[in-house]
Amino acid sequence: SDTEFWDKMQAEWEEMARRNWISENQEAPGQVTISTIEKGYYFHTDNPFKDWPGAFEEGLKKMKEGDLPLTILYLEAAILQEPNDAEAWQFLGITQAENENEQAAIVALQR
């Protein structure tokens, strides 16, 4: 039935989402944590902006332009450069929420 199908799809979606979050002793390809403090948020390892000077400001610019994927990359780069930047974490959380990635948004906003 349709209900069973959608229930199964929901269960599979939740399992896939769960697998994207790395536990303390695991690593997932394409993602990396920067320390145990940031455990739970997984950064793009292939981020071309990770060493970009002014990544935070560029992220805010891209946010105003509505480019969510680039905003996320720039904000992640800014956080990799300055892990204790609360404002960057806040904007990253907001952007992840707007990008409908609620798990990443929650982790970033908690940080």
N, C-alpha and C. Protein backbone atom coordinates (compact mmCIF):
# COMPACT_ATOMS: atom_id res chain seq x y z
N SER A 1 0.84 -1.19 0.00
CA SER A 1 0.00 0.00 0.00
C SER A 1 0.88 1.25 0.00
N ASP A 2 0.26 2.35 -0.32
CA ASP A 2 0.99 3.62 -0.35
C ASP A 2 1.57 3.98 1.01
N THR A 3 0.82 3.74 2.06
CA THR A 3 1.29 4.07 3.41
C THR A 3 2.52 3.27 3.76
N GLU A 4 2.51 1.98 3.44
CA GLU A 4 3.68 1.14 3.72
C GLU A 4 4.89 1.61 2.92
N PHE A 5 4.65 1.95 1.67
CA PHE A 5 5.73 2.43 0.82
C PHE A 5 6.37 3.68 1.42
N TRP A 6 5.56 4.66 1.80
CA TRP A 6 6.10 5.91 2.34
C TRP A 6 6.72 5.71 3.71
N ASP A 7 6.16 4.79 4.50
CA ASP A 7 6.79 4.49 5.79
C ASP A 7 8.18 3.89 5.58
N LYS A 8 8.29 3.00 4.59
CA LYS A 8 9.59 2.39 4.28
C LYS A 8 10.56 3.44 3.76
N MET A 9 10.08 4.33 2.90
CA MET A 9 10.93 5.39 2.38
C MET A 9 11.41 6.30 3.51
N GLN A 10 10.53 6.63 4.45
CA GLN A 10 10.90 7.46 5.58
C GLN A 10 11.97 6.78 6.43
N ALA A 11 11.79 5.49 6.69
CA ALA A 11 12.76 4.73 7.48
C ALA A 11 14.12 4.70 6.78
N GLU A 12 14.10 4.49 5.46
CA GLU A 12 15.36 4.48 4.72
C GLU A 12 16.03 5.86 4.73
N TRP A 13 15.23 6.91 4.59
CA TRP A 13 15.76 8.27 4.62
C TRP A 13 16.42 8.56 5.98
N GLU A 14 15.76 8.17 7.04
CA GLU A 14 16.31 8.39 8.38
C GLU A 14 17.61 7.60 8.57
N GLU A 15 17.65 6.40 8.05
CA GLU A 15 18.87 5.60 8.15
C GLU A 15 20.00 6.24 7.35
N MET A 16 19.70 6.74 6.17
CA MET A 16 20.73 7.42 5.38
C MET A 16 21.22 8.67 6.10
N ALA A 17 20.31 9.42 6.67
CA ALA A 17 20.70 10.63 7.42
C ALA A 17 21.56 10.25 8.61
N ARG A 18 21.20 9.17 9.29
CA ARG A 18 21.96 8.74 10.45
C ARG A 18 23.38 8.35 10.04
N ARG A 19 23.52 7.69 8.93
CA ARG A 19 24.84 7.24 8.48
C ARG A 19 25.74 8.39 8.07
N ASN A 20 25.16 9.54 7.74
CA ASN A 20 25.97 10.70 7.37
C ASN A 20 26.62 11.34 8.57
N TRP A 21 26.18 11.00 9.77
CA TRP A 21 26.76 11.58 10.97
C TRP A 21 27.72 10.57 11.56
N ILE A 22 28.97 10.97 11.67
CA ILE A 22 30.05 10.08 12.06
C ILE A 22 30.12 10.01 13.57
N SER A 23 30.24 8.80 14.08
CA SER A 23 30.42 8.65 15.51
C SER A 23 31.86 8.95 15.87
N GLU A 24 32.17 8.93 17.14
CA GLU A 24 33.50 9.28 17.62
C GLU A 24 34.60 8.45 16.98
N ASN A 25 34.34 7.19 16.69
CA ASN A 25 35.39 6.29 16.24
C ASN A 25 35.31 5.95 14.76
N GLN A 26 34.51 6.71 14.00
CA GLN A 26 34.35 6.40 12.59
C GLN A 26 34.73 7.60 11.75
N GLU A 27 35.06 7.33 10.49
CA GLU A 27 35.28 8.39 9.51
C GLU A 27 34.46 8.05 8.28
N ALA A 28 33.94 9.09 7.65
CA ALA A 28 33.20 8.90 6.41
C ALA A 28 33.98 9.56 5.27
N PRO A 29 33.97 8.96 4.10
CA PRO A 29 34.69 9.55 2.99
C PRO A 29 34.09 10.91 2.61
N GLY A 30 34.96 11.86 2.29
CA GLY A 30 34.49 13.16 1.86
C GLY A 30 34.13 14.11 2.98
N GLN A 31 34.27 13.69 4.21
CA GLN A 31 33.91 14.55 5.34
C GLN A 31 34.97 14.44 6.41
N VAL A 32 35.13 15.52 7.17
CA VAL A 32 36.13 15.52 8.23
C VAL A 32 35.68 16.43 9.35
N THR A 33 35.99 16.08 10.57
CA THR A 33 35.74 16.98 11.68
C THR A 33 37.02 17.72 11.97
N ILE A 34 36.92 18.88 12.60
CA ILE A 34 38.13 19.63 12.89
C ILE A 34 38.62 19.41 14.30
N SER A 35 37.77 18.94 15.19
CA SER A 35 38.20 18.56 16.53
C SER A 35 37.05 17.87 17.23
N THR A 36 37.31 17.35 18.42
CA THR A 36 36.22 16.71 19.15
C THR A 36 35.19 17.73 19.59
N ILE A 37 35.58 18.99 19.72
CA ILE A 37 34.61 20.02 20.09
C ILE A 37 33.54 20.16 19.00
N GLU A 38 33.96 20.10 17.76
CA GLU A 38 33.03 20.24 16.66
C GLU A 38 32.40 18.92 16.23
N LYS A 39 32.64 17.88 17.02
CA LYS A 39 32.11 16.56 16.69
C LYS A 39 30.60 16.67 16.41
N GLY A 40 30.19 16.12 15.33
CA GLY A 40 28.78 16.18 14.97
C GLY A 40 28.53 17.02 13.74
N TYR A 41 29.41 17.97 13.44
CA TYR A 41 29.28 18.73 12.20
C TYR A 41 30.42 18.27 11.29
N TYR A 42 30.07 17.90 10.09
CA TYR A 42 31.05 17.34 9.18
C TYR A 42 31.24 18.25 7.98
N PHE A 43 32.44 18.70 7.84
CA PHE A 43 32.81 19.68 6.83
C PHE A 43 33.15 18.99 5.51
N HIS A 44 32.92 19.70 4.42
CA HIS A 44 33.33 19.21 3.10
C HIS A 44 34.85 19.20 3.03
N THR A 45 35.44 18.07 2.73
CA THR A 45 36.91 18.00 2.65
C THR A 45 37.43 18.56 1.34
N ASP A 46 36.59 18.60 0.34
CA ASP A 46 37.01 19.11 -0.96
C ASP A 46 36.61 20.58 -1.13
N ASN A 47 36.54 21.32 -0.02
CA ASN A 47 36.14 22.72 -0.04
C ASN A 47 37.25 23.56 -0.69
N PRO A 48 36.98 24.14 -1.85
CA PRO A 48 38.01 24.93 -2.53
C PRO A 48 38.33 26.25 -1.82
N PHE A 49 37.54 26.62 -0.82
CA PHE A 49 37.72 27.90 -0.14
C PHE A 49 38.34 27.76 1.25
N LYS A 50 38.84 26.56 1.59
CA LYS A 50 39.30 26.33 2.97
C LYS A 50 40.42 27.26 3.40
N ASP A 51 41.21 27.78 2.47
CA ASP A 51 42.28 28.71 2.81
C ASP A 51 42.00 30.12 2.30
N TRP A 52 40.75 30.37 1.94
CA TRP A 52 40.37 31.64 1.33
C TRP A 52 40.40 32.76 2.36
N PRO A 53 41.18 33.81 2.13
CA PRO A 53 41.16 34.95 3.05
C PRO A 53 39.81 35.67 2.94
N GLY A 54 39.24 36.03 4.06
CA GLY A 54 37.95 36.71 4.04
C GLY A 54 36.80 35.79 3.72
N ALA A 55 36.92 34.51 4.07
CA ALA A 55 35.87 33.53 3.74
C ALA A 55 34.54 33.89 4.39
N PHE A 56 34.59 34.39 5.63
CA PHE A 56 33.34 34.74 6.33
C PHE A 56 32.60 35.85 5.58
N GLU A 57 33.31 36.90 5.22
CA GLU A 57 32.68 38.01 4.50
C GLU A 57 32.14 37.57 3.15
N GLU A 58 32.90 36.72 2.48
CA GLU A 58 32.44 36.21 1.18
C GLU A 58 31.20 35.34 1.37
N GLY A 59 31.16 34.57 2.46
CA GLY A 59 29.98 33.77 2.76
C GLY A 59 28.74 34.64 2.98
N LEU A 60 28.90 35.73 3.70
CA LEU A 60 27.77 36.64 3.92
C LEU A 60 27.30 37.25 2.60
N LYS A 61 28.25 37.57 1.73
CA LYS A 61 27.90 38.11 0.42
C LYS A 61 27.08 37.10 -0.38
N LYS A 62 27.56 35.85 -0.38
CA LYS A 62 26.84 34.80 -1.12
C LYS A 62 25.47 34.53 -0.50
N MET A 63 25.38 34.68 0.83
CA MET A 63 24.10 34.50 1.51
C MET A 63 23.10 35.54 1.01
N LYS A 64 23.53 36.79 0.91
CA LYS A 64 22.66 37.86 0.43
C LYS A 64 22.23 37.63 -1.01
N GLU A 65 23.11 36.99 -1.79
CA GLU A 65 22.79 36.67 -3.18
C GLU A 65 21.88 35.46 -3.29
N GLY A 66 21.70 34.73 -2.18
CA GLY A 66 20.83 33.56 -2.18
C GLY A 66 21.51 32.29 -2.66
N ASP A 67 22.82 32.28 -2.74
CA ASP A 67 23.56 31.11 -3.19
C ASP A 67 23.92 30.25 -1.97
N LEU A 68 22.99 29.38 -1.57
CA LEU A 68 23.17 28.61 -0.34
C LEU A 68 24.35 27.65 -0.39
N PRO A 69 24.56 26.88 -1.46
CA PRO A 69 25.71 25.95 -1.47
C PRO A 69 27.05 26.68 -1.32
N LEU A 70 27.23 27.80 -2.01
CA LEU A 70 28.49 28.53 -1.87
C LEU A 70 28.59 29.19 -0.50
N THR A 71 27.48 29.68 0.02
CA THR A 71 27.48 30.26 1.37
C THR A 71 27.99 29.24 2.37
N ILE A 72 27.48 28.02 2.29
CA ILE A 72 27.88 26.96 3.21
C ILE A 72 29.38 26.69 3.09
N LEU A 73 29.88 26.59 1.87
CA LEU A 73 31.31 26.33 1.68
C LEU A 73 32.17 27.44 2.27
N TYR A 74 31.79 28.70 2.03
CA TYR A 74 32.56 29.81 2.57
C TYR A 74 32.50 29.85 4.09
N LEU A 75 31.30 29.63 4.65
CA LEU A 75 31.18 29.66 6.11
C LEU A 75 31.93 28.50 6.76
N GLU A 76 31.88 27.32 6.14
CA GLU A 76 32.67 26.21 6.65
C GLU A 76 34.16 26.55 6.62
N ALA A 77 34.60 27.18 5.53
CA ALA A 77 36.01 27.58 5.43
C ALA A 77 36.36 28.56 6.54
N ALA A 78 35.48 29.51 6.79
CA ALA A 78 35.72 30.49 7.85
C ALA A 78 35.85 29.80 9.21
N ILE A 79 35.01 28.80 9.45
CA ILE A 79 35.05 28.08 10.72
C ILE A 79 36.30 27.21 10.82
N LEU A 80 36.71 26.62 9.72
CA LEU A 80 37.95 25.85 9.73
C LEU A 80 39.14 26.74 10.07
N GLN A 81 39.07 28.00 9.63
CA GLN A 81 40.14 28.95 9.92
C GLN A 81 40.05 29.49 11.35
N GLU A 82 38.82 29.64 11.85
CA GLU A 82 38.60 30.19 13.19
C GLU A 82 37.47 29.39 13.87
N PRO A 83 37.79 28.23 14.45
CA PRO A 83 36.77 27.32 14.98
C PRO A 83 35.88 27.91 16.08
N ASN A 84 36.30 28.95 16.76
CA ASN A 84 35.49 29.51 17.84
C ASN A 84 34.69 30.74 17.43
N ASP A 85 34.54 30.95 16.13
CA ASP A 85 33.78 32.11 15.64
C ASP A 85 32.28 31.81 15.73
N ALA A 86 31.68 32.28 16.83
CA ALA A 86 30.26 32.01 17.10
C ALA A 86 29.36 32.56 16.00
N GLU A 87 29.71 33.72 15.47
CA GLU A 87 28.88 34.33 14.43
C GLU A 87 28.89 33.48 13.16
N ALA A 88 30.06 32.95 12.80
CA ALA A 88 30.15 32.08 11.62
C ALA A 88 29.32 30.81 11.83
N TRP A 89 29.39 30.23 13.04
CA TRP A 89 28.58 29.06 13.35
C TRP A 89 27.09 29.39 13.24
N GLN A 90 26.70 30.56 13.74
CA GLN A 90 25.29 30.95 13.69
C GLN A 90 24.80 31.08 12.24
N PHE A 91 25.57 31.79 11.43
CA PHE A 91 25.17 31.95 10.03
C PHE A 91 25.20 30.62 9.28
N LEU A 92 26.14 29.76 9.62
CA LEU A 92 26.18 28.44 9.00
C LEU A 92 24.92 27.66 9.36
N GLY A 93 24.53 27.70 10.62
CA GLY A 93 23.31 27.02 11.05
C GLY A 93 22.08 27.54 10.35
N ILE A 94 21.97 28.86 10.24
CA ILE A 94 20.83 29.47 9.55
C ILE A 94 20.81 29.05 8.08
N THR A 95 21.97 29.07 7.46
CA THR A 95 22.05 28.71 6.04
C THR A 95 21.72 27.24 5.83
N GLN A 96 22.21 26.38 6.72
CA GLN A 96 21.88 24.95 6.60
C GLN A 96 20.37 24.75 6.76
N ALA A 97 19.75 25.48 7.66
CA ALA A 97 18.30 25.37 7.83
C ALA A 97 17.57 25.82 6.57
N GLU A 98 18.01 26.93 5.99
CA GLU A 98 17.40 27.40 4.75
C GLU A 98 17.62 26.41 3.61
N ASN A 99 18.72 25.67 3.68
CA ASN A 99 19.05 24.68 2.67
C ASN A 99 18.39 23.33 2.97
N GLU A 100 17.52 23.32 3.98
CA GLU A 100 16.75 22.14 4.40
C GLU A 100 17.64 21.00 4.88
N ASN A 101 18.75 21.33 5.50
CA ASN A 101 19.62 20.33 6.12
C ASN A 101 19.53 20.55 7.63
N GLU A 102 18.44 20.08 8.20
CA GLU A 102 18.13 20.38 9.58
C GLU A 102 19.15 19.84 10.57
N GLN A 103 19.67 18.64 10.33
CA GLN A 103 20.65 18.05 11.25
C GLN A 103 21.90 18.91 11.33
N ALA A 104 22.41 19.32 10.18
CA ALA A 104 23.61 20.18 10.16
C ALA A 104 23.29 21.53 10.80
N ALA A 105 22.09 22.04 10.56
CA ALA A 105 21.69 23.31 11.14
C ALA A 105 21.67 23.24 12.67
N ILE A 106 21.10 22.18 13.19
CA ILE A 106 21.01 22.02 14.64
C ILE A 106 22.40 21.94 15.26
N VAL A 107 23.27 21.13 14.67
CA VAL A 107 24.62 20.98 15.21
C VAL A 107 25.36 22.32 15.17
N ALA A 108 25.26 23.02 14.04
CA ALA A 108 25.97 24.31 13.92
C ALA A 108 25.42 25.32 14.90
N LEU A 109 24.11 25.39 15.06
CA LEU A 109 23.53 26.36 15.99
C LEU A 109 23.83 26.01 17.44
N GLN A 110 23.92 24.73 17.74
CA GLN A 110 24.30 24.35 19.11
C GLN A 110 25.74 24.75 19.40
N ARG A 111 26.56 24.72 18.39
CA ARG A 111 27.98 25.05 18.56
C ARG A 111 28.11 26.53 18.87
